N, C-alpha and C. Protein backbone atom coordinates (compact mmCIF):
# COMPACT_ATOMS: atom_id res chain seq x y z
N MET A 1 123.13 109.09 144.49
CA MET A 1 121.79 109.34 143.71
C MET A 1 121.71 110.36 143.08
N PHE A 2 122.59 111.52 142.84
CA PHE A 2 122.61 112.63 142.28
C PHE A 2 124.23 111.46 141.01
N ALA A 3 124.70 110.90 141.31
CA ALA A 3 125.73 109.89 139.70
C ALA A 3 124.11 108.76 139.23
N ARG A 4 123.62 107.99 140.60
CA ARG A 4 122.65 107.38 139.70
C ARG A 4 121.68 108.01 139.36
N LEU A 5 121.12 108.73 138.95
CA LEU A 5 120.61 109.59 138.29
C LEU A 5 121.15 109.73 137.03
N PHE A 6 122.32 109.96 137.29
CA PHE A 6 122.84 110.40 136.06
C PHE A 6 122.53 109.70 135.24
N VAL A 7 123.63 108.79 134.87
CA VAL A 7 123.59 107.50 134.54
C VAL A 7 122.52 106.86 133.87
N SER A 8 121.00 106.91 134.86
CA SER A 8 119.98 106.16 134.45
C SER A 8 119.33 107.47 133.69
N ALA A 9 119.52 108.45 133.40
CA ALA A 9 119.98 109.80 132.76
C ALA A 9 119.92 109.14 131.42
N ALA A 10 121.56 108.76 131.49
CA ALA A 10 122.47 108.40 130.27
C ALA A 10 121.82 107.21 129.11
N LEU A 11 120.92 106.50 130.02
CA LEU A 11 120.65 104.80 129.39
C LEU A 11 120.33 105.41 129.23
N LEU A 12 118.79 106.08 129.35
CA LEU A 12 117.82 106.45 128.56
C LEU A 12 118.06 107.12 127.55
N ALA A 13 119.11 107.60 127.31
CA ALA A 13 119.21 109.09 125.95
C ALA A 13 119.68 107.65 125.08
N ALA A 14 120.35 107.32 125.88
CA ALA A 14 121.38 106.31 124.51
C ALA A 14 120.83 105.76 123.61
N SER A 15 119.78 104.40 124.53
CA SER A 15 118.69 103.92 124.03
C SER A 15 117.43 104.02 123.33
N LEU A 16 116.63 105.80 123.86
CA LEU A 16 116.40 106.32 122.93
C LEU A 16 117.36 106.48 121.07
N THR A 17 117.52 106.71 121.45
CA THR A 17 119.63 107.20 120.25
C THR A 17 118.62 106.74 119.16
N ALA A 18 119.09 104.83 119.97
CA ALA A 18 119.79 103.63 119.09
C ALA A 18 117.86 102.92 118.89
N ALA A 19 117.47 103.57 119.57
CA ALA A 19 115.99 103.06 119.02
C ALA A 19 115.90 104.10 117.74
N SER A 20 115.96 104.93 117.40
CA SER A 20 115.28 106.43 116.61
C SER A 20 115.86 106.10 115.37
N PRO A 21 116.51 105.51 114.79
CA PRO A 21 116.39 105.12 113.62
C PRO A 21 115.58 104.01 112.78
N ALA A 22 115.04 103.31 114.16
CA ALA A 22 114.49 102.12 113.32
C ALA A 22 113.12 102.51 113.53
N SER A 23 112.65 103.75 114.38
CA SER A 23 111.93 104.54 114.97
C SER A 23 111.10 105.13 112.67
N ALA A 24 112.28 105.86 113.18
CA ALA A 24 112.05 106.77 111.74
C ALA A 24 112.24 106.60 110.56
N GLN A 25 112.91 104.65 110.59
CA GLN A 25 112.21 104.22 109.23
C GLN A 25 111.14 103.61 108.79
N MET A 26 110.46 103.77 110.45
CA MET A 26 108.95 103.06 110.02
C MET A 26 107.96 103.96 109.80
N ARG A 27 108.39 105.34 110.43
CA ARG A 27 107.68 106.15 110.07
C ARG A 27 107.65 106.29 108.32
N ARG A 28 108.88 106.72 107.63
CA ARG A 28 109.84 107.38 106.82
C ARG A 28 108.38 106.12 105.56
N ALA A 29 108.39 104.78 106.71
CA ALA A 29 107.96 103.05 105.20
C ALA A 29 106.54 103.63 104.95
N SER A 30 105.52 104.56 106.28
CA SER A 30 104.16 104.85 105.47
C SER A 30 104.00 105.49 105.75
N ALA A 31 105.02 107.13 105.01
CA ALA A 31 104.33 108.15 104.14
C ALA A 31 104.60 107.90 102.65
N PRO A 32 103.36 107.74 101.58
CA PRO A 32 104.07 106.74 100.27
C PRO A 32 104.64 108.88 99.79
N GLY A 33 105.29 108.37 98.74
CA GLY A 33 106.70 109.48 98.35
C GLY A 33 107.85 109.96 99.16
N ASP A 34 107.42 109.98 100.15
CA ASP A 34 109.48 109.83 101.58
C ASP A 34 109.45 108.34 100.86
N PHE A 35 110.95 109.03 99.65
CA PHE A 35 111.81 108.25 99.84
C PHE A 35 113.73 109.08 98.22
N ASP A 36 114.44 108.81 98.69
CA ASP A 36 115.58 109.00 97.89
C ASP A 36 115.44 108.68 96.99
N PHE A 37 115.42 107.72 96.42
CA PHE A 37 115.48 107.01 94.62
C PHE A 37 114.40 105.93 94.64
N TYR A 38 114.54 106.00 93.16
CA TYR A 38 114.53 104.44 92.29
C TYR A 38 115.20 103.61 91.94
N VAL A 39 114.58 102.08 92.38
CA VAL A 39 115.84 101.45 91.48
C VAL A 39 115.07 100.66 90.26
N LEU A 40 115.49 100.77 89.30
CA LEU A 40 114.51 100.14 88.05
C LEU A 40 114.70 98.32 88.26
N ALA A 41 114.37 97.23 87.89
CA ALA A 41 114.86 96.27 88.91
C ALA A 41 114.25 95.95 86.60
N LEU A 42 115.48 94.91 86.03
CA LEU A 42 115.56 94.19 85.16
C LEU A 42 115.66 92.93 85.22
N SER A 43 114.11 91.67 85.14
CA SER A 43 114.78 91.05 85.18
C SER A 43 115.49 90.03 83.74
N TRP A 44 116.28 89.00 83.92
CA TRP A 44 116.68 88.43 83.00
C TRP A 44 114.93 87.44 82.90
N SER A 45 114.27 87.30 82.18
CA SER A 45 113.33 86.37 81.74
C SER A 45 113.23 85.00 82.12
N SER A 46 114.45 84.25 80.98
CA SER A 46 114.88 83.08 81.41
C SER A 46 115.29 82.61 82.18
N GLY A 47 116.48 83.04 82.86
CA GLY A 47 117.21 83.24 84.43
C GLY A 47 115.99 82.82 85.35
N PHE A 48 115.05 84.23 85.54
CA PHE A 48 113.86 84.32 86.44
C PHE A 48 113.13 82.86 86.73
N CYS A 49 112.36 82.06 85.32
CA CYS A 49 112.20 80.77 84.47
C CYS A 49 112.50 80.00 85.62
N GLU A 50 113.92 79.96 84.59
CA GLU A 50 114.70 78.09 85.59
C GLU A 50 115.00 78.46 86.94
N LEU A 51 115.09 79.49 87.97
CA LEU A 51 114.51 79.97 89.35
C LEU A 51 113.97 79.32 89.98
N GLY A 52 112.53 78.95 89.38
CA GLY A 52 111.51 78.56 89.95
C GLY A 52 110.16 79.62 89.17
N GLY A 53 110.02 80.56 88.68
CA GLY A 53 109.22 81.68 88.30
C GLY A 53 108.20 80.41 87.28
N ALA A 54 108.55 79.93 86.48
CA ALA A 54 107.63 78.77 85.63
C ALA A 54 106.25 79.03 86.90
N GLU A 55 106.83 78.69 87.83
CA GLU A 55 105.31 78.16 88.56
C GLU A 55 104.13 79.28 88.41
N LYS A 56 105.11 80.34 88.40
CA LYS A 56 104.15 81.86 88.48
C LYS A 56 103.56 82.27 87.73
N ALA A 57 105.15 82.35 86.62
CA ALA A 57 104.50 83.11 85.33
C ALA A 57 105.00 82.14 84.26
N ARG A 58 103.56 81.98 84.24
CA ARG A 58 103.22 80.42 82.93
C ARG A 58 104.16 80.97 81.63
N LYS A 59 102.78 82.56 81.67
CA LYS A 59 102.65 82.90 79.90
C LYS A 59 104.16 83.87 79.95
N GLN A 60 105.28 84.60 80.79
CA GLN A 60 106.17 84.54 80.74
C GLN A 60 107.22 83.42 80.88
N CYS A 61 107.06 82.40 80.56
CA CYS A 61 107.44 81.46 80.39
C CYS A 61 107.94 80.60 80.17
N ALA A 62 106.62 80.14 79.02
CA ALA A 62 106.02 79.54 77.71
C ALA A 62 107.08 79.39 76.86
N PRO A 63 107.68 78.95 76.09
CA PRO A 63 108.08 77.98 75.75
C PRO A 63 107.74 79.15 74.31
N GLY A 64 108.53 80.05 73.46
CA GLY A 64 108.54 81.06 71.97
C GLY A 64 108.18 82.67 72.71
N ALA A 65 108.04 82.27 74.16
CA ALA A 65 107.96 83.97 74.73
C ALA A 65 108.60 85.25 73.95
N GLY A 66 110.12 84.26 74.10
CA GLY A 66 111.54 85.38 73.71
C GLY A 66 111.12 87.14 73.90
N LEU A 67 111.02 86.42 75.13
CA LEU A 67 110.86 87.85 76.42
C LEU A 67 113.30 87.32 76.87
N GLY A 68 113.40 89.26 76.77
CA GLY A 68 114.53 89.47 77.49
C GLY A 68 114.79 89.58 79.50
N PHE A 69 115.33 90.33 78.91
CA PHE A 69 115.59 91.90 80.10
C PHE A 69 113.66 92.54 79.57
N VAL A 70 112.69 92.00 81.14
CA VAL A 70 111.82 92.34 81.44
C VAL A 70 111.18 92.96 81.95
N VAL A 71 110.39 94.22 82.72
CA VAL A 71 110.77 95.21 83.87
C VAL A 71 110.04 94.45 84.88
N HIS A 72 110.79 94.02 86.09
CA HIS A 72 110.48 93.57 87.39
C HIS A 72 109.61 94.23 87.78
N GLY A 73 110.08 96.39 88.42
CA GLY A 73 109.74 96.57 89.05
C GLY A 73 110.02 98.17 89.55
N LEU A 74 109.70 98.77 89.67
CA LEU A 74 110.29 100.22 89.52
C LEU A 74 109.84 100.48 91.82
N TRP A 75 111.29 100.07 91.97
CA TRP A 75 110.71 100.62 93.63
C TRP A 75 111.55 102.29 94.17
N PRO A 76 110.69 102.68 95.07
CA PRO A 76 111.36 103.55 95.51
C PRO A 76 112.11 102.73 97.20
N GLN A 77 112.97 103.61 97.00
CA GLN A 77 114.46 103.04 97.61
C GLN A 77 114.64 104.31 99.35
N PHE A 78 115.53 103.48 99.98
CA PHE A 78 116.14 104.73 100.84
C PHE A 78 117.50 104.37 100.84
N ASP A 79 117.96 105.86 100.80
CA ASP A 79 119.79 105.47 100.67
C ASP A 79 119.99 104.13 101.77
N ARG A 80 119.98 103.85 103.20
CA ARG A 80 119.40 102.26 103.70
C ARG A 80 118.20 102.03 103.91
N GLY A 81 117.46 101.06 103.14
CA GLY A 81 116.66 100.27 103.77
C GLY A 81 115.48 100.65 101.86
N PHE A 82 114.46 100.36 102.48
CA PHE A 82 112.92 100.72 100.93
C PHE A 82 112.14 100.13 101.78
N PRO A 83 111.20 101.01 101.65
CA PRO A 83 110.07 101.41 102.03
C PRO A 83 108.76 100.09 101.40
N SER A 84 107.74 99.31 101.69
CA SER A 84 106.94 99.10 100.68
C SER A 84 105.40 98.65 101.41
N ASP A 85 104.20 98.62 100.46
CA ASP A 85 103.25 98.50 101.16
C ASP A 85 102.19 99.60 101.83
N CYS A 86 102.82 100.69 101.79
CA CYS A 86 102.54 102.18 102.18
C CYS A 86 101.43 102.52 101.79
N GLU A 87 100.32 101.56 101.14
CA GLU A 87 98.84 101.95 101.95
C GLU A 87 98.24 100.47 100.99
N PRO A 88 98.06 99.81 102.44
CA PRO A 88 97.67 98.22 102.47
C PRO A 88 95.92 98.27 101.69
N ALA A 89 95.46 99.62 102.53
CA ALA A 89 93.86 99.33 101.76
C ALA A 89 94.04 100.79 100.73
N GLY A 90 94.49 101.04 100.26
CA GLY A 90 94.54 101.91 99.58
C GLY A 90 94.68 101.52 97.70
N ARG A 91 94.68 102.31 96.43
CA ARG A 91 94.03 102.71 95.78
C ARG A 91 94.14 101.09 95.66
N VAL A 92 92.99 100.39 94.40
CA VAL A 92 93.27 99.65 93.34
C VAL A 92 93.96 99.46 91.96
N PRO A 93 93.93 99.89 91.42
CA PRO A 93 94.66 100.34 89.95
C PRO A 93 93.24 99.78 88.99
N SER A 94 92.80 101.38 88.45
CA SER A 94 91.98 101.37 87.87
C SER A 94 91.95 100.40 85.77
N ARG A 95 90.99 100.17 85.51
CA ARG A 95 91.17 99.65 83.70
C ARG A 95 92.13 100.28 83.25
N ILE A 96 92.10 101.41 83.07
CA ILE A 96 92.97 102.55 82.58
C ILE A 96 94.86 102.31 82.63
N ALA A 97 94.27 102.66 84.17
CA ALA A 97 95.83 103.09 84.43
C ALA A 97 96.30 101.12 84.79
N LEU A 98 95.77 100.22 83.92
CA LEU A 98 95.62 99.03 84.03
C LEU A 98 97.02 98.58 82.28
N ASP A 99 95.78 99.64 81.86
CA ASP A 99 96.45 99.91 80.25
C ASP A 99 97.20 100.07 79.57
N GLY A 100 97.84 101.07 80.91
CA GLY A 100 99.46 102.08 81.00
C GLY A 100 100.68 101.23 81.48
N ALA A 101 100.32 100.02 81.62
CA ALA A 101 101.19 99.48 82.14
C ALA A 101 101.78 98.18 81.10
N ARG A 102 100.83 97.96 80.38
CA ARG A 102 100.22 96.70 78.90
C ARG A 102 102.35 96.96 78.49
N GLY A 103 102.78 95.86 78.84
CA GLY A 103 103.75 96.48 77.76
C GLY A 103 104.86 96.96 77.87
N VAL A 104 105.02 96.71 79.14
CA VAL A 104 106.19 97.12 80.06
C VAL A 104 105.74 96.64 81.48
N PHE A 105 105.51 95.81 82.42
CA PHE A 105 104.90 94.72 82.29
C PHE A 105 105.28 93.31 81.73
N PRO A 106 105.60 92.18 81.63
CA PRO A 106 105.52 90.76 80.87
C PRO A 106 103.41 90.39 81.29
N ASP A 107 103.40 90.43 82.89
CA ASP A 107 101.71 90.19 82.77
C ASP A 107 100.97 91.43 84.01
N GLU A 108 100.21 91.09 83.60
CA GLU A 108 98.96 92.53 84.47
C GLU A 108 99.47 91.59 86.32
N GLY A 109 99.63 90.48 86.25
CA GLY A 109 99.48 90.34 87.42
C GLY A 109 100.51 91.01 88.50
N LEU A 110 101.63 90.47 87.71
CA LEU A 110 102.86 91.29 88.55
C LEU A 110 103.34 92.68 88.13
N ALA A 111 102.83 93.50 87.34
CA ALA A 111 101.94 95.23 87.59
C ALA A 111 100.90 95.23 88.64
N ARG A 112 100.25 94.22 89.03
CA ARG A 112 99.35 94.59 90.00
C ARG A 112 99.95 94.69 91.59
N TYR A 113 100.80 93.47 91.28
CA TYR A 113 101.24 93.14 92.34
C TYR A 113 102.08 93.97 92.78
N GLU A 114 103.07 94.51 91.47
CA GLU A 114 103.99 95.52 91.78
C GLU A 114 103.78 97.41 92.73
N TRP A 115 102.56 97.54 91.99
CA TRP A 115 101.67 98.71 92.57
C TRP A 115 101.69 98.35 93.91
N ARG A 116 101.08 97.59 94.29
CA ARG A 116 100.21 97.93 96.06
C ARG A 116 102.12 97.13 96.78
N LYS A 117 103.33 96.59 96.36
CA LYS A 117 104.34 96.49 96.94
C LYS A 117 104.72 98.04 97.18
N HIS A 118 105.64 98.22 95.84
CA HIS A 118 105.96 99.58 95.78
C HIS A 118 105.68 100.53 95.79
N GLY A 119 104.44 100.77 94.00
CA GLY A 119 103.35 101.80 93.59
C GLY A 119 103.51 102.40 94.89
N THR A 120 103.10 102.00 95.99
CA THR A 120 102.39 102.83 96.98
C THR A 120 102.70 103.94 97.72
N CYS A 121 104.20 103.26 97.45
CA CYS A 121 105.27 104.12 98.41
C CYS A 121 105.22 105.52 97.60
N SER A 122 105.62 105.52 96.19
CA SER A 122 105.58 106.35 95.25
C SER A 122 105.55 108.04 95.54
N GLY A 123 103.91 108.14 96.19
CA GLY A 123 103.50 109.22 96.24
C GLY A 123 102.35 109.45 95.05
N SER A 124 102.19 108.51 94.19
CA SER A 124 101.59 109.28 92.48
C SER A 124 100.12 108.31 92.44
N SER A 125 99.26 108.13 91.73
CA SER A 125 98.36 107.80 91.05
C SER A 125 99.27 106.22 90.82
N PRO A 126 98.17 105.75 90.76
CA PRO A 126 98.86 103.96 89.68
C PRO A 126 98.52 104.80 88.59
N THR A 127 98.29 105.84 87.89
CA THR A 127 98.55 106.01 86.49
C THR A 127 99.37 106.58 86.27
N ASP A 128 100.06 107.72 87.06
CA ASP A 128 101.92 108.28 87.16
C ASP A 128 102.81 106.91 87.26
N TYR A 129 101.98 106.55 88.12
CA TYR A 129 103.34 105.06 88.66
C TYR A 129 103.69 104.09 87.60
N PHE A 130 102.29 103.93 86.99
CA PHE A 130 102.71 102.93 85.93
C PHE A 130 103.49 103.65 84.37
N ALA A 131 102.98 104.88 84.32
CA ALA A 131 103.69 106.15 83.54
C ALA A 131 105.13 105.56 83.92
N ASP A 132 105.84 106.95 84.65
CA ASP A 132 106.56 106.12 86.08
C ASP A 132 107.85 105.10 85.42
N VAL A 133 106.70 103.82 85.44
CA VAL A 133 108.09 102.95 85.24
C VAL A 133 107.94 102.50 83.85
N ARG A 134 107.62 103.21 82.15
CA ARG A 134 107.45 102.70 81.34
C ARG A 134 107.97 103.97 81.34
N ARG A 135 108.55 105.29 81.34
CA ARG A 135 109.38 106.52 81.26
C ARG A 135 111.05 106.15 81.56
N ALA A 136 111.20 105.01 82.83
CA ALA A 136 112.16 104.54 83.03
C ALA A 136 112.97 103.18 82.36
N ARG A 137 111.93 102.52 82.10
CA ARG A 137 111.88 101.60 81.11
C ARG A 137 112.78 102.31 79.75
N ASN A 138 112.16 103.44 79.23
CA ASN A 138 113.29 103.69 77.66
C ASN A 138 113.76 104.41 78.29
N ALA A 139 114.49 104.87 79.16
CA ALA A 139 115.56 105.41 79.37
C ALA A 139 117.24 105.00 80.09
N VAL A 140 116.73 103.29 79.51
CA VAL A 140 117.79 101.92 79.52
C VAL A 140 117.98 101.77 78.47
N LYS A 141 119.40 101.50 77.42
CA LYS A 141 119.45 100.81 76.29
C LYS A 141 119.88 99.42 76.89
N ILE A 142 119.54 98.61 76.72
CA ILE A 142 119.75 97.26 76.27
C ILE A 142 120.79 97.08 75.88
N PRO A 143 121.90 96.14 75.58
CA PRO A 143 123.50 95.77 75.39
C PRO A 143 122.50 94.45 74.37
N LYS A 144 123.44 95.46 73.26
CA LYS A 144 123.53 94.51 71.81
C LYS A 144 123.66 93.00 71.98
N ALA A 145 124.32 92.76 72.98
CA ALA A 145 124.51 91.10 73.39
C ALA A 145 123.62 90.99 74.24
N PHE A 146 122.27 90.91 74.74
CA PHE A 146 121.30 90.86 75.24
C PHE A 146 119.84 90.98 74.71
N GLU A 147 119.83 91.04 73.91
CA GLU A 147 118.77 91.40 73.26
C GLU A 147 118.35 90.00 72.83
N ALA A 148 118.41 89.26 72.50
CA ALA A 148 117.93 87.83 71.87
C ALA A 148 118.77 86.95 72.13
N PRO A 149 119.95 86.95 72.57
CA PRO A 149 120.95 85.73 72.68
C PRO A 149 120.01 84.18 72.12
N GLN A 150 120.44 83.61 71.54
CA GLN A 150 120.08 82.32 71.07
C GLN A 150 120.92 81.01 71.94
N SER A 151 121.49 81.07 72.47
CA SER A 151 122.66 80.32 72.73
C SER A 151 122.80 80.94 74.62
N PRO A 152 123.15 79.61 75.34
CA PRO A 152 123.62 80.51 76.47
C PRO A 152 125.18 81.20 76.59
N GLN A 153 125.28 81.66 76.77
CA GLN A 153 126.69 82.51 77.54
C GLN A 153 127.44 82.89 78.73
N THR A 154 127.93 82.38 78.92
CA THR A 154 128.73 83.61 80.39
C THR A 154 129.61 84.23 80.06
N TRP A 155 129.03 85.25 81.50
CA TRP A 155 129.64 86.49 81.64
C TRP A 155 130.17 86.62 82.90
N ALA A 156 130.94 87.73 83.73
CA ALA A 156 131.53 87.71 84.58
C ALA A 156 130.58 88.89 84.79
N PRO A 157 130.38 89.26 86.16
CA PRO A 157 129.33 90.25 86.52
C PRO A 157 129.77 91.84 86.11
N ILE A 158 131.32 91.50 86.01
CA ILE A 158 131.82 93.12 86.12
C ILE A 158 131.45 93.18 84.41
N ASP A 159 131.47 92.26 83.94
CA ASP A 159 131.49 93.12 82.30
C ASP A 159 130.05 93.06 81.41
N ILE A 160 129.16 92.66 82.09
CA ILE A 160 127.51 92.58 82.51
C ILE A 160 127.69 94.40 82.98
N GLU A 161 128.16 94.43 84.00
CA GLU A 161 128.35 96.20 84.14
C GLU A 161 128.64 96.99 83.05
N ARG A 162 130.00 96.76 82.52
CA ARG A 162 130.37 97.30 81.76
C ARG A 162 129.61 97.22 79.96
N ALA A 163 128.52 96.67 80.47
CA ALA A 163 128.09 96.51 78.35
C ALA A 163 127.23 97.54 78.45
N PHE A 164 126.25 97.38 80.21
CA PHE A 164 125.42 98.23 80.24
C PHE A 164 126.20 99.78 80.36
N VAL A 165 127.24 100.26 81.09
CA VAL A 165 128.20 101.43 80.63
C VAL A 165 127.96 102.42 79.41
N ALA A 166 127.85 100.28 78.56
CA ALA A 166 128.95 101.35 77.45
C ALA A 166 127.63 101.26 76.57
N ALA A 167 126.70 101.16 76.65
CA ALA A 167 125.66 101.28 75.88
C ALA A 167 124.09 102.56 76.60
N ASN A 168 124.90 102.73 77.80
CA ASN A 168 124.42 103.67 78.40
C ASN A 168 124.78 105.40 78.15
N PRO A 169 124.89 105.59 77.96
CA PRO A 169 125.87 107.59 78.14
C PRO A 169 125.54 107.77 79.33
N GLY A 170 126.63 107.96 80.60
CA GLY A 170 126.33 108.76 82.08
C GLY A 170 125.54 108.07 83.00
N LEU A 171 125.69 106.86 82.68
CA LEU A 171 125.46 105.51 83.72
C LEU A 171 126.95 104.93 84.35
N ARG A 172 126.89 104.99 85.78
CA ARG A 172 127.85 104.12 85.97
C ARG A 172 127.70 103.50 86.86
N ALA A 173 129.21 101.90 86.77
CA ALA A 173 128.74 100.97 87.83
C ALA A 173 128.70 101.34 89.11
N ASP A 174 128.80 102.08 89.54
CA ASP A 174 128.23 102.59 91.61
C ASP A 174 126.74 102.92 91.17
N GLN A 175 126.24 102.42 90.31
CA GLN A 175 124.69 103.66 90.19
C GLN A 175 123.85 102.35 89.82
N MET A 176 124.07 100.99 88.87
CA MET A 176 123.76 99.87 89.62
C MET A 176 124.40 98.48 89.43
N ALA A 177 123.30 97.78 89.83
CA ALA A 177 124.05 95.64 90.38
C ALA A 177 123.55 94.93 89.98
N VAL A 178 124.62 94.06 88.96
CA VAL A 178 123.85 92.41 88.31
C VAL A 178 124.10 92.43 89.93
N SER A 179 122.67 91.10 89.95
CA SER A 179 122.27 90.10 90.93
C SER A 179 122.02 88.79 89.75
N CYS A 180 122.58 88.35 90.70
CA CYS A 180 122.62 86.66 90.19
C CYS A 180 122.25 85.65 91.66
N LYS A 181 121.63 84.43 90.89
CA LYS A 181 121.06 83.27 92.04
C LYS A 181 122.10 81.94 91.04
N ARG A 182 121.98 80.74 92.26
CA ARG A 182 123.05 79.85 91.61
C ARG A 182 123.17 79.93 90.34
N GLY A 183 124.39 80.68 90.78
CA GLY A 183 124.97 81.15 89.37
C GLY A 183 124.35 81.18 88.18
N LEU A 184 123.23 82.11 88.11
CA LEU A 184 122.34 81.93 87.14
C LEU A 184 122.02 83.90 87.03
N LEU A 185 122.45 84.89 85.63
CA LEU A 185 121.89 85.77 85.78
C LEU A 185 120.01 86.65 85.97
N GLU A 186 120.43 86.80 87.43
CA GLU A 186 118.67 86.83 87.79
C GLU A 186 118.64 88.09 87.13
N GLU A 187 119.16 89.08 87.84
CA GLU A 187 118.43 90.50 87.94
C GLU A 187 119.61 91.69 87.17
N VAL A 188 119.24 92.74 86.40
CA VAL A 188 120.33 93.80 86.53
C VAL A 188 118.73 95.52 87.06
N ARG A 189 119.87 95.33 87.88
CA ARG A 189 119.45 97.01 89.27
C ARG A 189 119.70 98.09 89.29
N ILE A 190 118.94 98.82 87.72
CA ILE A 190 119.53 100.80 87.64
C ILE A 190 119.40 101.14 89.18
N CYS A 191 119.93 102.35 89.62
CA CYS A 191 119.43 103.33 90.15
C CYS A 191 119.12 104.72 90.01
N PHE A 192 118.63 105.65 90.10
CA PHE A 192 117.53 106.65 89.38
C PHE A 192 117.15 107.33 90.10
N SER A 193 117.87 108.76 90.17
CA SER A 193 116.95 109.89 90.70
C SER A 193 115.66 109.71 91.01
N LYS A 194 115.01 110.74 92.05
CA LYS A 194 113.83 110.73 92.78
C LYS A 194 112.84 111.06 91.53
N ASP A 195 113.32 112.36 90.93
CA ASP A 195 112.41 112.45 89.43
C ASP A 195 113.18 112.24 87.94
N LEU A 196 113.32 111.54 87.75
CA LEU A 196 113.68 109.73 87.13
C LEU A 196 114.86 110.86 85.68
N ARG A 197 115.63 111.89 86.16
CA ARG A 197 116.00 112.29 84.94
C ARG A 197 117.51 111.82 85.11
N GLN A 198 118.01 111.39 86.24
CA GLN A 198 119.26 110.97 85.70
C GLN A 198 119.95 109.75 86.72
N PHE A 199 120.71 109.13 86.19
CA PHE A 199 120.96 108.26 87.33
C PHE A 199 121.80 108.40 88.12
N GLN A 200 121.34 107.77 89.05
CA GLN A 200 122.14 107.78 90.69
C GLN A 200 122.76 106.75 91.09
N SER A 201 123.50 107.64 92.00
CA SER A 201 124.63 106.38 92.69
C SER A 201 124.18 105.48 94.52
N CYS A 202 124.20 104.73 94.25
CA CYS A 202 123.56 104.09 95.34
C CYS A 202 124.55 102.92 95.59
N PRO A 203 125.10 103.37 96.86
CA PRO A 203 126.72 101.95 97.23
C PRO A 203 125.68 100.90 97.97
N GLU A 204 124.17 100.92 98.80
CA GLU A 204 123.76 99.69 99.53
C GLU A 204 123.18 99.64 98.65
N VAL A 205 122.39 99.75 97.13
CA VAL A 205 121.89 98.62 96.22
C VAL A 205 123.16 97.89 95.55
N ASN A 206 124.60 98.18 95.45
CA ASN A 206 125.96 98.39 94.46
C ASN A 206 126.51 97.09 95.43
N ARG A 207 126.34 97.61 96.80
CA ARG A 207 126.91 96.41 97.45
C ARG A 207 126.18 95.14 97.56
N GLY A 208 124.73 94.69 97.23
CA GLY A 208 124.43 93.39 96.93
C GLY A 208 123.95 92.79 95.84
N ALA A 209 125.84 93.32 94.82
CA ALA A 209 125.56 92.50 93.28
C ALA A 209 126.04 91.09 93.63
N CYS A 210 126.13 90.42 93.04
CA CYS A 210 126.37 89.39 92.15
C CYS A 210 128.94 89.61 92.78
N ARG A 211 128.63 89.09 93.38
CA ARG A 211 129.99 88.33 93.83
C ARG A 211 130.88 87.30 93.16
N THR A 212 130.08 86.32 92.27
CA THR A 212 130.55 85.32 92.12
C THR A 212 131.34 85.57 90.30
N ARG A 213 133.02 85.21 89.86
CA ARG A 213 133.58 85.22 88.77
C ARG A 213 132.28 85.64 88.02
N GLU A 214 131.68 84.37 87.39
CA GLU A 214 130.91 83.99 86.19
C GLU A 214 129.45 83.70 86.38
N VAL A 215 128.87 84.43 86.10
CA VAL A 215 127.80 83.38 85.73
C VAL A 215 126.63 83.59 84.08
N MET A 216 125.60 82.03 84.59
CA MET A 216 125.82 81.65 83.02
C MET A 216 124.10 82.79 83.10
N VAL A 217 124.18 82.85 81.64
CA VAL A 217 123.09 83.44 80.97
C VAL A 217 122.48 83.14 80.08
N PRO A 218 121.54 82.52 80.51
CA PRO A 218 120.80 81.10 79.98
C PRO A 218 119.72 81.97 78.32
N PRO A 219 119.28 81.19 76.75
CA PRO A 219 118.98 82.12 75.56
C PRO A 219 117.70 82.30 76.23
N VAL A 220 117.12 83.44 75.55
CA VAL A 220 115.59 83.71 75.34
C VAL A 220 114.28 82.21 75.10
N LEU A 221 113.44 82.22 75.47
CA LEU A 221 112.88 80.80 75.40
C LEU A 221 112.30 81.22 74.07
């Protein structure tokens, strides 16, 4: 009998231990401001448009828009996983807050979406969150080769990383990831410390990087 009780207790303890990470993740995800670091996601605009984005962002993808890398979002991140939609019925960005996002996001609709999905987890007000997005974007220098290419280019993902590392003192390859889809450059994701003062190592983000030998970089529209 005592043996059965011991085994039952052990099984219960094991089940609680196995469940605790998921439970902790759920609790952490619902608490604005509770995260480990930020990811600044920079979309390659013409790649995004060619991969179906033109149906969702007509202004961004209009001929003559001339956009290269644009802000997709600034995402609070855990060392493993990430929170989202932390205040599903929370604050709606004011006009003043959205004015602060102008020129950072390619359109206001994306700014609103990113606030709802990611900004609500930052623990900041909409105004402060959009100011942090601008601050993070201003901290990254786009390599000259990606400023406004007028013809298609082919790059190895590792060479895209090297170009960003060379253009940004202090940035290392383990603090970023190049994302691709269907052989096209999709995004460059750069990890920042929670206070946005320095770049941050981010193994999980780095592991999700593009592993193809080459990607095509479409020219600006």
